[in-house]
Each structure stands twice: as structure tokens, then as C-alpha cells.
PDB file of N, CA and C in Angstrom:
ATOM      1  N   UNK A   1     -43.709 -29.399  12.104  1.00  0.00           N
ATOM      2  CA  UNK A   1     -44.127 -29.842  13.609  1.00  0.00           C
ATOM      3  C   UNK A   1     -43.102 -28.092  13.904  1.00  0.00           C
ATOM      4  N   UNK A   2     -43.511 -27.427  14.917  1.00  0.00           N
ATOM      5  CA  UNK A   2     -42.427 -26.828  14.827  1.00  0.00           C
ATOM      6  C   UNK A   2     -42.027 -26.713  16.406  1.00  0.00           C
ATOM      7  N   UNK A   3     -40.411 -26.773  16.025  1.00  0.00           N
ATOM      8  CA  UNK A   3     -40.243 -27.390  17.552  1.00  0.00           C
ATOM      9  C   UNK A   3     -38.566 -26.255  17.996  1.00  0.00           C
ATOM     10  N   UNK A   4     -39.222 -26.292  19.089  1.00  0.00           N
ATOM     11  CA  UNK A   4     -37.741 -24.870  19.260  1.00  0.00           C
ATOM     12  C   UNK A   4     -36.465 -25.737  18.778  1.00  0.00           C
ATOM     13  N   UNK A   5     -35.295 -24.261  18.889  1.00  0.00           N
ATOM     14  CA  UNK A   5     -34.120 -24.707  18.768  1.00  0.00           C
ATOM     15  C   UNK A   5     -33.538 -26.125  19.607  1.00  0.00           C
ATOM     16  N   UNK A   6     -33.759 -25.677  20.567  1.00  0.00           N
ATOM     17  CA  UNK A   6     -32.973 -26.807  21.782  1.00  0.00           C
ATOM     18  C   UNK A   6     -33.798 -27.868  21.850  1.00  0.00           C
ATOM     19  N   UNK A   7     -34.608 -27.829  21.724  1.00  0.00           N
ATOM     20  CA  UNK A   7     -35.279 -29.011  21.088  1.00  0.00           C
ATOM     21  C   UNK A   7     -34.527 -29.736  19.911  1.00  0.00           C
ATOM     22  N   UNK A   8     -34.841 -29.614  18.898  1.00  0.00           N
ATOM     23  CA  UNK A   8     -33.791 -29.917  17.497  1.00  0.00           C
ATOM     24  C   UNK A   8     -32.430 -30.296  17.975  1.00  0.00           C
ATOM     25  N   UNK A   9     -31.949 -29.816  19.147  1.00  0.00           N
ATOM     26  CA  UNK A   9     -30.227 -30.164  19.009  1.00  0.00           C
ATOM     27  C   UNK A   9     -30.503 -31.302  19.849  1.00  0.00           C
ATOM     28  N   UNK A  10     -31.253 -31.577  21.155  1.00  0.00           N
ATOM     29  CA  UNK A  10     -31.592 -32.748  21.573  1.00  0.00           C
ATOM     30  C   UNK A  10     -31.628 -33.819  20.986  1.00  0.00           C
ATOM     31  N   UNK A  11     -32.897 -33.733  20.032  1.00  0.00           N
ATOM     32  CA  UNK A  11     -33.401 -34.840  18.808  1.00  0.00           C
ATOM     33  C   UNK A  11     -32.205 -35.111  17.797  1.00  0.00           C
ATOM     34  N   UNK A  12     -31.353 -33.755  17.621  1.00  0.00           N
ATOM     35  CA  UNK A  12     -30.300 -34.534  17.078  1.00  0.00           C
ATOM     36  C   UNK A  12     -28.975 -34.796  17.598  1.00  0.00           C
ATOM     37  N   UNK A  13     -29.026 -35.027  18.773  1.00  0.00           N
ATOM     38  CA  UNK A  13     -27.701 -35.838  19.608  1.00  0.00           C
ATOM     39  C   UNK A  13     -28.476 -36.938  19.462  1.00  0.00           C
ATOM     40  N   UNK A  14     -29.980 -37.214  20.062  1.00  0.00           N
ATOM     41  CA  UNK A  14     -30.511 -38.823  20.404  1.00  0.00           C
ATOM     42  C   UNK A  14     -30.398 -39.152  19.203  1.00  0.00           C
ATOM     43  N   UNK A  15     -31.066 -38.882  18.205  1.00  0.00           N
ATOM     44  CA  UNK A  15     -30.538 -39.760  16.644  1.00  0.00           C
ATOM     45  C   UNK A  15     -29.173 -40.277  16.294  1.00  0.00           C
ATOM     46  N   UNK A  16     -28.412 -38.809  16.338  1.00  0.00           N
ATOM     47  CA  UNK A  16     -26.913 -39.576  15.840  1.00  0.00           C
ATOM     48  C   UNK A  16     -26.403 -40.218  16.996  1.00  0.00           C
ATOM     49  N   UNK A  17     -26.617 -40.480  18.162  1.00  0.00           N
ATOM     50  CA  UNK A  17     -26.294 -41.884  18.722  1.00  0.00           C
ATOM     51  C   UNK A  17     -27.474 -43.030  19.075  1.00  0.00           C
ATOM     52  N   UNK A  18     -28.126 -43.068  17.919  1.00  0.00           N
ATOM     53  CA  UNK A  18     -29.202 -44.321  18.372  1.00  0.00           C
ATOM     54  C   UNK A  18     -28.758 -45.340  18.244  1.00  0.00           C
ATOM     55  N   UNK A  19     -27.607 -45.371  17.486  1.00  0.00           N
ATOM     56  CA  UNK A  19     -27.279 -47.082  16.545  1.00  0.00           C
ATOM     57  C   UNK A  19     -26.338 -47.271  17.974  1.00  0.00           C
ATOM     58  N   UNK A  20     -26.240 -46.914  19.084  1.00  0.00           N
ATOM     59  CA  UNK A  20     -25.332 -47.110  20.092  1.00  0.00           C
ATOM     60  C   UNK A  20     -25.614 -47.295  21.145  1.00  0.00           C
ATOM     61  N   UNK A  21     -26.214 -48.529  21.585  1.00  0.00           N
ATOM     62  CA  UNK A  21     -26.921 -48.402  23.209  1.00  0.00           C
ATOM     63  C   UNK A  21     -26.124 -47.789  24.677  1.00  0.00           C
ATOM     64  N   UNK A  22     -25.163 -48.135  23.887  1.00  0.00           N
ATOM     65  CA  UNK A  22     -23.752 -47.450  25.071  1.00  0.00           C
ATOM     66  C   UNK A  22     -23.590 -45.573  25.226  1.00  0.00           C
ATOM     67  N   UNK A  23     -23.905 -45.397  23.864  1.00  0.00           N
ATOM     68  CA  UNK A  23     -23.583 -44.087  24.413  1.00  0.00           C
ATOM     69  C   UNK A  23     -25.436 -43.306  24.356  1.00  0.00           C
ATOM     70  N   UNK A  24     -26.240 -44.032  24.037  1.00  0.00           N
ATOM     71  CA  UNK A  24     -27.755 -43.750  24.797  1.00  0.00           C
ATOM     72  C   UNK A  24     -27.685 -43.542  26.101  1.00  0.00           C
ATOM     73  N   UNK A  25     -27.219 -44.525  26.780  1.00  0.00           N
ATOM     74  CA  UNK A  25     -27.005 -44.576  28.045  1.00  0.00           C
ATOM     75  C   UNK A  25     -26.260 -43.510  28.847  1.00  0.00           C
ATOM     76  N   UNK A  26     -25.447 -43.716  28.046  1.00  0.00           N
ATOM     77  CA  UNK A  26     -24.210 -42.491  28.577  1.00  0.00           C
ATOM     78  C   UNK A  26     -25.135 -41.003  28.571  1.00  0.00           C
ATOM     79  N   UNK A  27     -25.537 -41.105  27.123  1.00  0.00           N
ATOM     80  CA  UNK A  27     -25.998 -39.564  27.436  1.00  0.00           C
ATOM     81  C   UNK A  27     -27.466 -39.435  28.512  1.00  0.00           C
ATOM     82  N   UNK A  28     -28.288 -40.271  28.296  1.00  0.00           N
ATOM     83  CA  UNK A  28     -29.170 -40.224  29.650  1.00  0.00           C
ATOM     84  C   UNK A  28     -29.221 -40.130  30.909  1.00  0.00           C
ATOM     85  N   UNK A  29     -27.824 -40.799  31.137  1.00  0.00           N
ATOM     86  CA  UNK A  29     -27.340 -40.633  32.822  1.00  0.00           C
ATOM     87  C   UNK A  29     -26.638 -39.465  32.487  1.00  0.00           C
ATOM     88  N   UNK A  30     -26.580 -38.503  31.498  1.00  0.00           N
ATOM     89  CA  UNK A  30     -25.730 -37.672  32.095  1.00  0.00           C
ATOM     90  C   UNK A  30     -26.572 -36.095  32.174  1.00  0.00           C
ATOM     91  N   UNK A  31     -27.634 -36.451  31.387  1.00  0.00           N
ATOM     92  CA  UNK A  31     -28.566 -35.051  31.053  1.00  0.00           C
ATOM     93  C   UNK A  31     -29.703 -35.730  32.161  1.00  0.00           C
ATOM     94  N   UNK A  32     -30.155 -36.845  32.780  1.00  0.00           N
ATOM     95  CA  UNK A  32     -31.358 -37.458  32.823  1.00  0.00           C
ATOM     96  C   UNK A  32     -31.388 -37.715  34.604  1.00  0.00           C
ATOM     97  N   UNK A  33     -31.559 -37.448  35.801  1.00  0.00           N
ATOM     98  CA  UNK A  33     -31.719 -38.343  36.889  1.00  0.00           C
ATOM     99  C   UNK A  33     -32.267 -39.365  36.648  1.00  0.00           C
ATOM    100  N   UNK A  34     -31.465 -40.478  38.187  1.00  0.00           N
ATOM    101  CA  UNK A  34     -31.767 -41.809  37.914  1.00  0.00           C
ATOM    102  C   UNK A  34     -33.463 -41.830  37.825  1.00  0.00           C
ATOM    103  N   UNK A  35     -34.575 -40.719  38.408  1.00  0.00           N
ATOM    104  CA  UNK A  35     -35.650 -41.039  38.490  1.00  0.00           C
ATOM    105  C   UNK A  35     -36.013 -40.348  37.393  1.00  0.00           C
ATOM    106  N   UNK A  36     -35.491 -40.086  36.793  1.00  0.00           N
ATOM    107  CA  UNK A  36     -36.401 -39.192  35.686  1.00  0.00           C
ATOM    108  C   UNK A  36     -36.427 -40.389  34.389  1.00  0.00           C
ATOM    109  N   UNK A  37     -34.940 -40.988  34.315  1.00  0.00           N
ATOM    110  CA  UNK A  37     -34.167 -42.246  33.427  1.00  0.00           C
ATOM    111  C   UNK A  37     -35.683 -43.105  33.699  1.00  0.00           C
ATOM    112  N   UNK A  38     -36.051 -43.784  34.899  1.00  0.00           N
ATOM    113  CA  UNK A  38     -36.405 -44.273  35.229  1.00  0.00           C
ATOM    114  C   UNK A  38     -38.124 -44.292  35.360  1.00  0.00           C
ATOM    115  N   UNK A  39     -38.384 -43.215  35.030  1.00  0.00           N
ATOM    116  CA  UNK A  39     -40.017 -42.633  34.800  1.00  0.00           C
ATOM    117  C   UNK A  39     -40.574 -42.507  33.339  1.00  0.00           C
ATOM    118  N   UNK A  40     -39.038 -41.729  32.690  1.00  0.00           N
ATOM    119  CA  UNK A  40     -39.158 -42.465  30.840  1.00  0.00           C
ATOM    120  C   UNK A  40     -39.328 -43.831  30.544  1.00  0.00           C
ATOM    121  N   UNK A  41     -39.135 -44.528  31.019  1.00  0.00           N
ATOM    122  CA  UNK A  41     -38.873 -46.358  30.728  1.00  0.00           C
ATOM    123  C   UNK A  41     -40.475 -46.927  31.151  1.00  0.00           C
ATOM    124  N   UNK A  42     -40.755 -46.225  32.243  1.00  0.00           N
ATOM    125  CA  UNK A  42     -41.876 -46.905  33.302  1.00  0.00           C
ATOM    126  C   UNK A  42     -43.092 -46.469  31.750  1.00  0.00           C
ATOM    127  N   UNK A  43     -43.255 -45.070  31.505  1.00  0.00           N
ATOM    128  CA  UNK A  43     -43.858 -44.275  30.844  1.00  0.00           C
ATOM    129  C   UNK A  43     -44.043 -45.182  29.433  1.00  0.00           C
ATOM    130  N   UNK A  44     -43.121 -45.709  28.567  1.00  0.00           N
ATOM    131  CA  UNK A  44     -43.071 -46.672  27.498  1.00  0.00           C
ATOM    132  C   UNK A  44     -43.585 -47.931  28.120  1.00  0.00           C
ATOM    133  N   UNK A  45     -43.408 -48.575  28.857  1.00  0.00           N
ATOM    134  CA  UNK A  45     -44.061 -49.778  29.379  1.00  0.00           C
ATOM    135  C   UNK A  45     -45.720 -49.546  29.786  1.00  0.00           C
ATOM    136  N   UNK A  46     -46.064 -48.375  29.964  1.00  0.00           N
ATOM    137  CA  UNK A  46     -47.476 -47.957  30.139  1.00  0.00           C
ATOM    138  C   UNK A  46     -47.864 -48.049  28.983  1.00  0.00           C
ATOM    139  N   UNK A  47     -47.399 -47.062  27.967  1.00  0.00           N
ATOM    140  CA  UNK A  47     -47.833 -47.344  27.153  1.00  0.00           C
ATOM    141  C   UNK A  47     -47.662 -48.525  26.158  1.00  0.00           C
ATOM    142  N   UNK A  48     -47.282 -49.010  25.919  1.00  0.00           N
ATOM    143  CA  UNK A  48     -47.490 -50.651  25.425  1.00  0.00           C
ATOM    144  C   UNK A  48     -48.120 -51.128  26.361  1.00  0.00           C
ATOM    145  N   UNK A  49     -48.468 -51.386  27.346  1.00  0.00           N
ATOM    146  CA  UNK A  49     -49.419 -52.111  28.453  1.00  0.00           C
ATOM    147  C   UNK A  49     -51.004 -50.959  27.884  1.00  0.00           C
ATOM    148  N   UNK A  50     -51.210 -49.982  28.149  1.00  0.00           N
ATOM    149  CA  UNK A  50     -52.291 -50.079  27.208  1.00  0.00           C
ATOM    150  C   UNK A  50     -52.728 -50.227  26.344  1.00  0.00           C
ATOM    151  N   UNK A  51     -51.266 -49.882  25.203  1.00  0.00           N
ATOM    152  CA  UNK A  51     -51.866 -50.210  23.625  1.00  0.00           C
ATOM    153  C   UNK A  51     -52.511 -51.907  23.827  1.00  0.00           C
ATOM    154  N   UNK A  52     -51.785 -52.662  24.322  1.00  0.00           N
ATOM    155  CA  UNK A  52     -52.064 -54.396  24.536  1.00  0.00           C
ATOM    156  C   UNK A  52     -53.447 -54.145  25.030  1.00  0.00           C
ATOM    157  N   UNK A  53     -53.822 -54.008  26.076  1.00  0.00           N
ATOM    158  CA  UNK A  53     -54.932 -53.860  26.788  1.00  0.00           C
ATOM    159  C   UNK A  53     -55.352 -54.913  27.140  1.00  0.00           C
ATOM    160  N   UNK A  54     -54.077 -55.537  27.648  1.00  0.00           N
ATOM    161  CA  UNK A  54     -54.543 -57.098  28.524  1.00  0.00           C
ATOM    162  C   UNK A  54     -54.668 -57.168  30.280  1.00  0.00           C
ATOM    163  N   UNK A  55     -54.593 -55.442  30.708  1.00  0.00           N
ATOM    164  CA  UNK A  55     -54.444 -55.359  31.712  1.00  0.00           C
ATOM    165  C   UNK A  55     -55.264 -53.745  32.300  1.00  0.00           C
ATOM    166  N   UNK A  56     -55.954 -54.191  33.123  1.00  0.00           N
ATOM    167  CA  UNK A  56     -56.563 -52.802  33.651  1.00  0.00           C
ATOM    168  C   UNK A  56     -55.459 -51.774  34.023  1.00  0.00           C
ATOM    169  N   UNK A  57     -55.799 -50.177  34.207  1.00  0.00           N
ATOM    170  CA  UNK A  57     -55.012 -49.317  34.075  1.00  0.00           C
ATOM    171  C   UNK A  57     -54.298 -49.644  35.983  1.00  0.00           C
ATOM    172  N   UNK A  58     -55.428 -49.906  36.782  1.00  0.00           N
ATOM    173  CA  UNK A  58     -55.074 -50.290  38.122  1.00  0.00           C
ATOM    174  C   UNK A  58     -53.946 -51.430  38.138  1.00  0.00           C
ATOM    175  N   UNK A  59     -54.081 -52.483  37.006  1.00  0.00           N
ATOM    176  CA  UNK A  59     -53.129 -53.268  37.307  1.00  0.00           C
ATOM    177  C   UNK A  59     -51.965 -52.426  37.043  1.00  0.00           C
ATOM    178  N   UNK A  60     -51.649 -52.146  35.607  1.00  0.00           N
ATOM    179  CA  UNK A  60     -50.050 -51.363  35.049  1.00  0.00           C
ATOM    180  C   UNK A  60     -50.300 -50.402  36.411  1.00  0.00           C
ATOM    181  N   UNK A  61     -50.711 -49.805  36.923  1.00  0.00           N
ATOM    182  CA  UNK A  61     -50.433 -49.087  37.767  1.00  0.00           C
ATOM    183  C   UNK A  61     -49.165 -50.161  39.115  1.00  0.00           C
ATOM    184  N   UNK A  62     -49.908 -50.675  39.931  1.00  0.00           N
ATOM    185  CA  UNK A  62     -49.660 -51.802  40.833  1.00  0.00           C
ATOM    186  C   UNK A  62     -48.720 -52.417  40.054  1.00  0.00           C
ATOM    187  N   UNK A  63     -49.221 -53.267  38.709  1.00  0.00           N
ATOM    188  CA  UNK A  63     -47.218 -53.742  38.691  1.00  0.00           C
ATOM    189  C   UNK A  63     -45.944 -52.859  38.181  1.00  0.00           C
ATOM    190  N   UNK A  64     -45.774 -51.803  38.157  1.00  0.00           N
ATOM    191  CA  UNK A  64     -45.542 -50.478  37.672  1.00  0.00           C
ATOM    192  C   UNK A  64     -44.972 -49.727  39.007  1.00  0.00           C
ATOM    193  N   UNK A  65     -45.403 -49.634  39.903  1.00  0.00           N
ATOM    194  CA  UNK A  65     -45.281 -49.036  41.044  1.00  0.00           C
ATOM    195  C   UNK A  65     -45.107 -47.466  40.420  1.00  0.00           C
ATOM    196  N   UNK A  66     -46.386 -47.081  40.268  1.00  0.00           N
ATOM    197  CA  UNK A  66     -46.633 -45.337  39.445  1.00  0.00           C
ATOM    198  C   UNK A  66     -48.174 -45.151  39.981  1.00  0.00           C
ATOM    199  N   UNK A  67     -48.601 -44.167  39.929  1.00  0.00           N
ATOM    200  CA  UNK A  67     -49.921 -43.783  40.322  1.00  0.00           C
ATOM    201  C   UNK A  67     -50.732 -44.193  39.240  1.00  0.00           C
ATOM    202  N   UNK A  68     -51.986 -44.182  39.841  1.00  0.00           N
ATOM    203  CA  UNK A  68     -53.149 -44.418  38.762  1.00  0.00           C
ATOM    204  C   UNK A  68     -53.382 -43.077  37.687  1.00  0.00           C
ATOM    205  N   UNK A  69     -53.201 -41.941  38.472  1.00  0.00           N
ATOM    206  CA  UNK A  69     -53.118 -40.987  37.620  1.00  0.00           C
ATOM    207  C   UNK A  69     -51.825 -41.044  36.832  1.00  0.00           C
ATOM    208  N   UNK A  70     -50.635 -41.600  36.904  1.00  0.00           N
ATOM    209  CA  UNK A  70     -49.955 -41.319  35.374  1.00  0.00           C
ATOM    210  C   UNK A  70     -50.645 -42.592  34.826  1.00  0.00           C
ATOM    211  N   UNK A  71     -50.651 -43.455  34.890  1.00  0.00           N
ATOM    212  CA  UNK A  71     -51.779 -44.318  33.882  1.00  0.00           C
ATOM    213  C   UNK A  71     -52.634 -43.872  33.287  1.00  0.00           C
ATOM    214  N   UNK A  72     -53.606 -43.012  33.988  1.00  0.00           N
ATOM    215  CA  UNK A  72     -54.968 -42.233  33.343  1.00  0.00           C
ATOM    216  C   UNK A  72     -54.487 -41.395  32.283  1.00  0.00           C
ATOM    217  N   UNK A  73     -53.239 -40.403  32.714  1.00  0.00           N
ATOM    218  CA  UNK A  73     -52.457 -39.560  31.976  1.00  0.00           C
ATOM    219  C   UNK A  73     -51.880 -39.801  30.641  1.00  0.00           C
ATOM    220  N   UNK A  74     -51.857 -41.127  31.042  1.00  0.00           N
ATOM    221  CA  UNK A  74     -51.738 -41.953  29.522  1.00  0.00           C
ATOM    222  C   UNK A  74     -51.846 -42.161  27.999  1.00  0.00           C
ATOM    223  N   UNK A  75     -52.893 -43.151  29.158  1.00  0.00           N
ATOM    224  CA  UNK A  75     -54.195 -43.449  28.397  1.00  0.00           C
ATOM    225  C   UNK A  75     -55.081 -42.494  27.651  1.00  0.00           C
ATOM    226  N   UNK A  76     -55.022 -41.070  28.104  1.00  0.00           N
ATOM    227  CA  UNK A  76     -55.897 -39.635  27.816  1.00  0.00           C
ATOM    228  C   UNK A  76     -55.035 -39.693  26.406  1.00  0.00           C
ATOM    229  N   UNK A  77     -53.149 -39.721  26.763  1.00  0.00           N
ATOM    230  CA  UNK A  77     -52.157 -39.268  25.396  1.00  0.00           C
ATOM    231  C   UNK A  77     -53.084 -40.259  24.493  1.00  0.00           C
ATOM    232  N   UNK A  78     -53.072 -41.659  25.108  1.00  0.00           N
ATOM    233  CA  UNK A  78     -53.117 -42.268  23.671  1.00  0.00           C
ATOM    234  C   UNK A  78     -54.595 -42.291  23.179  1.00  0.00           C
ATOM    235  N   UNK A  79     -55.277 -41.802  23.602  1.00  0.00           N
ATOM    236  CA  UNK A  79     -56.965 -41.354  23.138  1.00  0.00           C
ATOM    237  C   UNK A  79     -56.741 -39.874  22.664  1.00  0.00           C
ATOM    238  N   UNK A  80     -55.783 -39.074  22.691  1.00  0.00           N
ATOM    239  CA  UNK A  80     -55.835 -37.724  21.736  1.00  0.00           C
ATOM    240  C   UNK A  80     -55.438 -38.001  20.242  1.00  0.00           C
ATOM    241  N   UNK A  81     -54.395 -38.849  20.324  1.00  0.00           N
ATOM    242  CA  UNK A  81     -53.676 -38.856  19.578  1.00  0.00           C
ATOM    243  C   UNK A  81     -53.197 -40.741  18.979  1.00  0.00           C
ATOM    244  N   UNK A  82     -53.688 -41.736  18.897  1.00  0.00           N
ATOM    245  CA  UNK A  82     -53.652 -43.356  18.673  1.00  0.00           C
ATOM    246  C   UNK A  82     -52.760 -43.788  17.639  1.00  0.00           C
ATOM    247  N   UNK A  83     -52.757 -42.693  16.509  1.00  0.00           N
ATOM    248  CA  UNK A  83     -51.827 -43.461  15.779  1.00  0.00           C
ATOM    249  C   UNK A  83     -50.622 -43.248  16.069  1.00  0.00           C
ATOM    250  N   UNK A  84     -50.314 -41.979  16.632  1.00  0.00           N
ATOM    251  CA  UNK A  84     -48.855 -42.061  17.118  1.00  0.00           C
ATOM    252  C   UNK A  84     -48.371 -42.955  18.546  1.00  0.00           C
ATOM    253  N   UNK A  85     -49.009 -43.099  19.431  1.00  0.00           N
ATOM    254  CA  UNK A  85     -48.766 -43.742  20.158  1.00  0.00           C
ATOM    255  C   UNK A  85     -48.635 -45.249  19.392  1.00  0.00           C
ATOM    256  N   UNK A  86     -49.476 -45.905  18.488  1.00  0.00           N
ATOM    257  CA  UNK A  86     -49.212 -46.746  18.006  1.00  0.00           C
ATOM    258  C   UNK A  86     -47.646 -47.374  17.542  1.00  0.00           C
ATOM    259  N   UNK A  87     -47.407 -46.238  16.874  1.00  0.00           N
ATOM    260  CA  UNK A  87     -46.186 -45.941  15.886  1.00  0.00           C
ATOM    261  C   UNK A  87     -44.845 -46.567  16.669  1.00  0.00           C
ATOM    262  N   UNK A  88     -45.093 -45.332  18.138  1.00  0.00           N
ATOM    263  CA  UNK A  88     -43.780 -45.416  18.998  1.00  0.00           C
ATOM    264  C   UNK A  88     -43.975 -47.130  19.592  1.00  0.00           C
ATOM    265  N   UNK A  89     -44.971 -47.440  19.992  1.00  0.00           N
ATOM    266  CA  UNK A  89     -45.152 -48.669  20.657  1.00  0.00           C
ATOM    267  C   UNK A  89     -44.374 -50.339  18.963  1.00  0.00           C
ATOM    268  N   UNK A  90     -44.849 -49.766  17.720  1.00  0.00           N
ATOM    269  CA  UNK A  90     -43.864 -50.429  16.414  1.00  0.00           C
ATOM    270  C   UNK A  90     -42.833 -50.533  16.612  1.00  0.00           C
ATOM    271  N   UNK A  91     -41.521 -49.559  17.115  1.00  0.00           N
ATOM    272  CA  UNK A  91     -40.721 -48.884  17.116  1.00  0.00           C
ATOM    273  C   UNK A  91     -40.294 -49.649  18.882  1.00  0.00           C
ATOM    274  N   UNK A  92     -40.143 -49.860  19.448  1.00  0.00           N
ATOM    275  CA  UNK A  92     -40.153 -50.985  20.831  1.00  0.00           C
ATOM    276  C   UNK A  92     -39.873 -52.214  20.175  1.00  0.00           C
ATOM    277  N   UNK A  93     -38.585 -52.659  20.897  1.00  0.00           N
ATOM    278  CA  UNK A  93     -38.639 -54.209  20.712  1.00  0.00           C
ATOM    279  C   UNK A  93     -39.164 -55.299  21.683  1.00  0.00           C
ATOM    280  N   UNK A  94     -39.941 -56.453  21.301  1.00  0.00           N
ATOM    281  CA  UNK A  94     -40.907 -57.229  21.646  1.00  0.00           C
ATOM    282  C   UNK A  94     -40.176 -57.338  23.619  1.00  0.00           C
ATOM    283  N   UNK A  95     -41.169 -56.964  23.939  1.00  0.00           N
ATOM    284  CA  UNK A  95     -40.905 -57.581  25.266  1.00  0.00           C
ATOM    285  C   UNK A  95     -40.598 -59.094  25.586  1.00  0.00           C
ATOM    286  N   UNK A  96     -39.406 -58.963  26.812  1.00  0.00           N
ATOM    287  CA  UNK A  96     -39.028 -60.263  27.148  1.00  0.00           C
ATOM    288  C   UNK A  96     -39.988 -60.998  28.428  1.00  0.00           C
TER     289      UNK A  96
END
């Protein structure tokens, strides 16, 4: 994997803080706008919903208040690399 130096630094910081939810939250608040932070969280939920396959793309978009284009983009990413998407979802805690 060819990751540029600044990407590697970001991954190192995230990994070093991963065991403490408060530090991770503080890092994301520092680096991201509220809209960006929320957008990342919604994309993870889109990923989970698409992989579960219980809802249509339109239903997911309506429930999460995102565009159908965003859901479709995530669906296309899953089609491109389903194994990676499944691994990401396996790391996520069960939905409450």
C-alpha cells in the first residue's frame, strides 16, 4: 500500500488514540467540522445498512437524511471491494 507520509502520520495518531474514545472524539472535533464528522459517521451507517441488505438505497437515504447519490456511491465502493467493506463492518460494534 502506497500511503503518503501525511496519511501515514494521521493513521499513526488515530491508532495511538484508538483505545480511548474521549481522545478519539477530541481528535475528530479538532480536525473535522461538525458536518464532516457527521458525514463520516453517516457513511459508516450507510455501509452497514447496504451490507445488511434489509433496506433499499432510497430507504437508507431517507432514514439517514443523505442523498441517494451518496448511498449509490457507497454501494459502488462495496461492489469494487466487498472484502474490505465487510472487514470494516466486522470492526464496528453492533447497532443499538
